[in-house]
């Protein structure tokens, strides 16, 4: 079964278009190195929960929205290889993403697929 990296991040509402452009660029690099799929989704029906929620998880403010994303790979080993290449790619070494979202509040992790229909 596939291996999945997932993440959520808070993005200022007035920077969603810039984020979309940056993520399309970054996603093309992931795909170039062998990722099966690269998906980023902006919040549409994501309530602020009393105890837990996507907005709470990334400390989103009223002027921010949440992006939920995932990247799929053939296996954990291939993910590790692909991620190493992506992180070393000079095209992603710029600092422009820091003006689009706060990476310190990003939540991310790798997941083994247990059901895939």
N, C-alpha and C. Protein backbone atom coordinates (compact mmCIF):
# COMPACT_ATOMS: atom_id res chain seq x y z
N UNK A 1 0.84 -1.19 0.00
CA UNK A 1 0.00 0.00 0.00
C UNK A 1 0.88 1.25 0.00
N UNK A 2 0.30 2.36 -0.38
CA UNK A 2 1.04 3.61 -0.48
C UNK A 2 1.41 4.15 0.90
N UNK A 3 2.38 5.05 0.89
CA UNK A 3 2.80 5.77 2.08
C UNK A 3 2.36 7.21 1.89
N UNK A 4 1.93 7.87 2.97
CA UNK A 4 1.37 9.22 2.87
C UNK A 4 2.05 10.18 3.83
N UNK A 5 2.45 11.34 3.33
CA UNK A 5 2.83 12.46 4.18
C UNK A 5 1.62 13.38 4.23
N UNK A 6 1.23 13.80 5.42
CA UNK A 6 0.11 14.71 5.55
C UNK A 6 0.54 15.94 6.32
N UNK A 7 -0.11 17.07 6.01
CA UNK A 7 0.19 18.27 6.79
C UNK A 7 -0.96 19.26 6.74
N UNK A 8 -1.01 20.11 7.76
CA UNK A 8 -1.94 21.23 7.78
C UNK A 8 -1.14 22.47 8.15
N UNK A 9 -1.60 23.60 7.61
CA UNK A 9 -0.91 24.86 7.84
C UNK A 9 -1.93 26.00 7.79
N UNK A 10 -1.68 27.04 8.58
CA UNK A 10 -2.51 28.25 8.53
C UNK A 10 -1.96 29.18 7.47
N UNK A 11 -2.85 29.70 6.62
CA UNK A 11 -2.47 30.62 5.55
C UNK A 11 -3.33 31.87 5.66
N UNK A 12 -2.72 33.06 5.63
CA UNK A 12 -3.53 34.28 5.63
C UNK A 12 -4.52 34.25 4.45
N UNK A 13 -5.75 34.62 4.72
CA UNK A 13 -6.78 34.58 3.67
C UNK A 13 -6.39 35.42 2.46
N UNK A 14 -5.70 36.52 2.68
CA UNK A 14 -5.31 37.37 1.56
C UNK A 14 -4.08 36.86 0.81
N UNK A 15 -3.56 35.70 1.22
CA UNK A 15 -2.39 35.12 0.54
C UNK A 15 -2.67 33.72 -0.02
N UNK A 16 -3.93 33.34 -0.07
CA UNK A 16 -4.28 32.00 -0.59
C UNK A 16 -3.84 31.85 -2.04
N UNK A 17 -4.00 32.88 -2.86
CA UNK A 17 -3.57 32.77 -4.27
C UNK A 17 -2.06 32.59 -4.37
N UNK A 18 -1.30 33.32 -3.58
CA UNK A 18 0.17 33.16 -3.58
C UNK A 18 0.54 31.78 -3.07
N UNK A 19 -0.17 31.29 -2.06
CA UNK A 19 0.09 29.95 -1.54
C UNK A 19 -0.20 28.90 -2.61
N UNK A 20 -1.31 29.06 -3.31
CA UNK A 20 -1.67 28.12 -4.38
C UNK A 20 -0.57 28.07 -5.44
N UNK A 21 -0.07 29.22 -5.83
CA UNK A 21 0.99 29.28 -6.83
C UNK A 21 2.26 28.59 -6.32
N UNK A 22 2.63 28.88 -5.08
CA UNK A 22 3.82 28.26 -4.50
C UNK A 22 3.65 26.75 -4.37
N UNK A 23 2.48 26.31 -3.91
CA UNK A 23 2.29 24.87 -3.71
C UNK A 23 2.23 24.11 -5.03
N UNK A 24 1.70 24.74 -6.08
CA UNK A 24 1.71 24.09 -7.40
C UNK A 24 3.15 23.91 -7.88
N UNK A 25 3.98 24.91 -7.64
CA UNK A 25 5.39 24.83 -7.99
C UNK A 25 6.08 23.73 -7.19
N UNK A 26 5.89 23.75 -5.86
CA UNK A 26 6.51 22.74 -5.00
C UNK A 26 6.01 21.35 -5.34
N UNK A 27 4.71 21.23 -5.57
CA UNK A 27 4.13 19.93 -5.92
C UNK A 27 4.71 19.35 -7.20
N UNK A 28 5.00 20.22 -8.16
CA UNK A 28 5.58 19.73 -9.42
C UNK A 28 6.96 19.13 -9.17
N UNK A 29 7.67 19.67 -8.19
CA UNK A 29 8.99 19.12 -7.85
C UNK A 29 8.83 17.77 -7.17
N UNK A 30 7.88 17.65 -6.24
CA UNK A 30 7.61 16.35 -5.61
C UNK A 30 7.29 15.30 -6.68
N UNK A 31 6.44 15.68 -7.61
CA UNK A 31 6.04 14.73 -8.67
C UNK A 31 7.24 14.39 -9.56
N UNK A 32 8.05 15.37 -9.87
CA UNK A 32 9.24 15.13 -10.69
C UNK A 32 10.14 14.06 -10.08
N UNK A 33 10.24 14.06 -8.75
CA UNK A 33 11.10 13.10 -8.06
C UNK A 33 10.41 11.77 -7.77
N UNK A 34 9.12 11.64 -8.11
CA UNK A 34 8.48 10.34 -8.00
C UNK A 34 7.27 10.22 -7.10
N UNK A 35 6.81 11.32 -6.48
CA UNK A 35 5.59 11.24 -5.69
C UNK A 35 4.43 10.84 -6.61
N UNK A 36 3.55 10.01 -6.10
CA UNK A 36 2.40 9.56 -6.90
C UNK A 36 1.35 10.65 -7.03
N UNK A 37 1.11 11.36 -5.94
CA UNK A 37 0.06 12.38 -5.93
C UNK A 37 0.44 13.47 -4.94
N UNK A 38 0.08 14.71 -5.28
CA UNK A 38 0.34 15.86 -4.42
C UNK A 38 -0.95 16.66 -4.39
N UNK A 39 -1.57 16.78 -3.20
CA UNK A 39 -2.89 17.43 -3.09
C UNK A 39 -2.85 18.46 -1.97
N UNK A 40 -3.36 19.66 -2.24
CA UNK A 40 -3.51 20.69 -1.21
C UNK A 40 -4.94 21.21 -1.30
N UNK A 41 -5.59 21.33 -0.15
CA UNK A 41 -7.00 21.74 -0.09
C UNK A 41 -7.16 22.88 0.90
N UNK A 42 -7.93 23.90 0.51
CA UNK A 42 -8.19 25.02 1.41
C UNK A 42 -9.51 24.78 2.14
N UNK A 43 -9.56 25.19 3.40
CA UNK A 43 -10.75 24.97 4.24
C UNK A 43 -12.00 25.57 3.61
N UNK A 44 -13.10 24.82 3.69
CA UNK A 44 -14.38 25.27 3.18
C UNK A 44 -15.46 25.11 4.25
N UNK A 45 -15.43 23.99 4.94
CA UNK A 45 -16.40 23.70 6.00
C UNK A 45 -15.62 23.16 7.19
N UNK A 46 -14.90 24.05 7.87
CA UNK A 46 -13.99 23.65 8.94
C UNK A 46 -14.28 24.51 10.17
N UNK A 47 -15.19 24.05 11.02
CA UNK A 47 -15.54 24.86 12.20
C UNK A 47 -14.42 24.92 13.22
N UNK A 48 -14.41 25.99 13.96
CA UNK A 48 -13.47 26.17 15.06
C UNK A 48 -14.05 25.42 16.26
N UNK A 49 -13.46 24.31 16.62
CA UNK A 49 -13.99 23.46 17.69
C UNK A 49 -13.76 24.01 19.08
N UNK A 50 -14.56 23.54 20.02
CA UNK A 50 -14.40 23.98 21.41
C UNK A 50 -13.13 23.42 22.03
N UNK A 51 -12.77 22.19 21.65
CA UNK A 51 -11.60 21.55 22.24
C UNK A 51 -10.51 21.29 21.19
N UNK A 52 -10.90 20.68 20.08
CA UNK A 52 -9.95 20.40 19.00
C UNK A 52 -10.58 20.73 17.65
N UNK A 53 -9.74 21.06 16.71
CA UNK A 53 -10.18 21.32 15.34
C UNK A 53 -8.95 21.62 14.50
N UNK A 54 -9.13 21.63 13.19
CA UNK A 54 -8.01 22.00 12.32
C UNK A 54 -7.52 23.42 12.63
N UNK A 55 -8.42 24.42 12.72
CA UNK A 55 -7.92 25.78 13.04
C UNK A 55 -7.19 25.85 14.37
N UNK A 56 -7.69 25.18 15.39
CA UNK A 56 -7.02 25.18 16.69
C UNK A 56 -5.64 24.53 16.60
N UNK A 57 -5.54 23.46 15.83
CA UNK A 57 -4.29 22.72 15.73
C UNK A 57 -3.14 23.59 15.24
N UNK A 58 -3.44 24.51 14.32
CA UNK A 58 -2.38 25.37 13.77
C UNK A 58 -2.49 26.81 14.28
N UNK A 59 -3.31 27.01 15.33
CA UNK A 59 -3.50 28.33 15.94
C UNK A 59 -3.90 29.38 14.91
N UNK A 60 -4.82 29.01 14.01
CA UNK A 60 -5.28 29.94 12.97
C UNK A 60 -6.02 31.12 13.60
N UNK A 61 -5.74 32.30 13.09
CA UNK A 61 -6.41 33.52 13.54
C UNK A 61 -7.62 33.77 12.64
N UNK A 62 -8.40 34.79 12.96
CA UNK A 62 -9.59 35.12 12.17
C UNK A 62 -9.25 35.49 10.74
N UNK A 63 -8.06 36.01 10.50
CA UNK A 63 -7.69 36.41 9.14
C UNK A 63 -6.93 35.31 8.40
N UNK A 64 -6.95 34.09 8.96
CA UNK A 64 -6.28 32.95 8.32
C UNK A 64 -7.28 31.85 8.01
N UNK A 65 -6.91 31.01 7.06
CA UNK A 65 -7.66 29.80 6.76
C UNK A 65 -6.70 28.62 6.90
N UNK A 66 -7.23 27.43 6.81
CA UNK A 66 -6.41 26.23 6.98
C UNK A 66 -6.26 25.51 5.65
N UNK A 67 -5.05 25.06 5.38
CA UNK A 67 -4.79 24.21 4.22
C UNK A 67 -4.46 22.82 4.75
N UNK A 68 -5.13 21.82 4.18
CA UNK A 68 -4.93 20.41 4.51
C UNK A 68 -4.36 19.76 3.26
N UNK A 69 -3.26 19.03 3.42
CA UNK A 69 -2.58 18.50 2.23
C UNK A 69 -1.99 17.13 2.48
N UNK A 70 -1.74 16.43 1.38
CA UNK A 70 -1.07 15.14 1.48
C UNK A 70 -0.32 14.83 0.20
N UNK A 71 0.71 14.01 0.37
CA UNK A 71 1.53 13.54 -0.74
C UNK A 71 1.58 12.02 -0.61
N UNK A 72 1.36 11.31 -1.71
CA UNK A 72 1.43 9.85 -1.64
C UNK A 72 2.64 9.34 -2.41
N UNK A 73 3.16 8.23 -1.90
CA UNK A 73 4.36 7.59 -2.44
C UNK A 73 4.13 6.09 -2.54
N UNK A 74 4.90 5.41 -3.37
CA UNK A 74 4.75 3.96 -3.47
C UNK A 74 5.09 3.21 -2.17
N UNK A 75 6.02 3.75 -1.36
CA UNK A 75 6.45 3.07 -0.14
C UNK A 75 7.16 4.07 0.78
N UNK A 76 7.41 3.67 2.00
CA UNK A 76 8.14 4.52 2.94
C UNK A 76 9.57 4.77 2.43
N UNK A 77 10.22 3.72 1.92
CA UNK A 77 11.58 3.89 1.41
C UNK A 77 11.61 4.90 0.28
N UNK A 78 10.67 4.79 -0.66
CA UNK A 78 10.65 5.74 -1.77
C UNK A 78 10.32 7.14 -1.26
N UNK A 79 9.47 7.25 -0.25
CA UNK A 79 9.18 8.56 0.34
C UNK A 79 10.44 9.17 0.92
N UNK A 80 11.21 8.37 1.66
CA UNK A 80 12.43 8.89 2.25
C UNK A 80 13.41 9.37 1.17
N UNK A 81 13.54 8.59 0.10
CA UNK A 81 14.43 8.97 -1.01
C UNK A 81 13.94 10.23 -1.71
N UNK A 82 12.63 10.28 -2.00
CA UNK A 82 12.05 11.44 -2.70
C UNK A 82 12.16 12.69 -1.83
N UNK A 83 11.83 12.56 -0.55
CA UNK A 83 11.87 13.71 0.34
C UNK A 83 13.29 14.27 0.47
N UNK A 84 14.27 13.40 0.51
CA UNK A 84 15.67 13.86 0.59
C UNK A 84 16.02 14.68 -0.66
N UNK A 85 15.57 14.23 -1.82
CA UNK A 85 15.85 14.96 -3.06
C UNK A 85 15.11 16.30 -3.08
N UNK A 86 13.85 16.28 -2.64
CA UNK A 86 13.07 17.53 -2.62
C UNK A 86 13.72 18.55 -1.68
N UNK A 87 14.09 18.12 -0.48
CA UNK A 87 14.68 19.04 0.49
C UNK A 87 16.03 19.57 0.03
N UNK A 88 16.73 18.84 -0.82
CA UNK A 88 18.03 19.29 -1.33
C UNK A 88 17.90 20.10 -2.62
N UNK A 89 16.72 20.16 -3.20
CA UNK A 89 16.53 20.83 -4.48
C UNK A 89 16.72 22.34 -4.34
N UNK A 90 17.62 22.94 -5.09
CA UNK A 90 17.87 24.38 -4.96
C UNK A 90 16.67 25.25 -5.36
N UNK A 91 15.74 24.71 -6.11
CA UNK A 91 14.56 25.50 -6.49
C UNK A 91 13.66 25.79 -5.30
N UNK A 92 13.83 25.03 -4.22
CA UNK A 92 13.01 25.26 -3.03
C UNK A 92 13.81 25.88 -1.89
N UNK A 93 14.97 26.39 -2.17
CA UNK A 93 15.83 26.98 -1.13
C UNK A 93 15.50 28.43 -0.83
N UNK A 94 14.63 29.04 -1.61
CA UNK A 94 14.29 30.44 -1.38
C UNK A 94 13.50 30.64 -0.11
N UNK A 95 13.35 31.84 0.28
CA UNK A 95 12.66 32.19 1.51
C UNK A 95 11.24 32.71 1.26
N UNK A 96 10.79 32.70 -0.01
CA UNK A 96 9.49 33.30 -0.32
C UNK A 96 8.33 32.66 0.42
N UNK A 97 8.42 31.37 0.70
CA UNK A 97 7.33 30.71 1.42
C UNK A 97 7.13 31.32 2.81
N UNK A 98 8.19 31.87 3.40
CA UNK A 98 8.07 32.45 4.73
C UNK A 98 7.17 33.69 4.75
N UNK A 99 6.97 34.30 3.60
CA UNK A 99 6.07 35.46 3.52
C UNK A 99 4.64 35.02 3.26
N UNK A 100 4.43 33.73 2.98
CA UNK A 100 3.10 33.22 2.64
C UNK A 100 2.45 32.51 3.82
N UNK A 101 3.21 31.79 4.62
CA UNK A 101 2.67 31.10 5.78
C UNK A 101 3.75 30.90 6.83
N UNK A 102 3.32 30.62 8.05
CA UNK A 102 4.23 30.43 9.17
C UNK A 102 4.51 28.94 9.33
N UNK A 103 5.68 28.52 8.88
CA UNK A 103 6.04 27.11 8.93
C UNK A 103 6.18 26.56 10.35
N UNK A 104 6.34 27.43 11.34
CA UNK A 104 6.46 26.97 12.72
C UNK A 104 5.16 26.38 13.24
N UNK A 105 4.04 26.76 12.62
CA UNK A 105 2.74 26.24 13.06
C UNK A 105 2.25 25.08 12.18
N UNK A 106 3.08 24.65 11.25
CA UNK A 106 2.71 23.51 10.40
C UNK A 106 2.72 22.23 11.23
N UNK A 107 1.73 21.39 10.99
CA UNK A 107 1.69 20.06 11.60
C UNK A 107 1.84 19.07 10.46
N UNK A 108 2.76 18.12 10.61
CA UNK A 108 3.00 17.17 9.52
C UNK A 108 3.44 15.82 10.07
N UNK A 109 3.36 14.82 9.24
CA UNK A 109 3.81 13.50 9.62
C UNK A 109 3.65 12.51 8.49
N UNK A 110 4.30 11.37 8.64
CA UNK A 110 4.22 10.29 7.67
C UNK A 110 3.31 9.19 8.20
N UNK A 111 2.56 8.59 7.30
CA UNK A 111 1.54 7.61 7.69
C UNK A 111 1.58 6.37 6.79
N UNK A 112 1.48 5.20 7.42
CA UNK A 112 1.34 3.97 6.68
C UNK A 112 -0.13 3.77 6.37
N UNK A 113 -0.44 3.49 5.13
CA UNK A 113 -1.82 3.26 4.73
C UNK A 113 -2.29 1.91 5.28
N UNK A 114 -3.50 1.90 5.88
CA UNK A 114 -4.05 0.64 6.37
C UNK A 114 -5.33 0.25 5.62
N UNK A 115 -5.98 1.23 4.98
CA UNK A 115 -7.14 0.94 4.13
C UNK A 115 -7.04 1.85 2.93
N UNK A 116 -7.19 1.27 1.75
CA UNK A 116 -7.17 2.06 0.51
C UNK A 116 -8.18 1.44 -0.43
N UNK A 117 -9.27 2.12 -0.67
CA UNK A 117 -10.35 1.58 -1.51
C UNK A 117 -10.40 2.26 -2.86
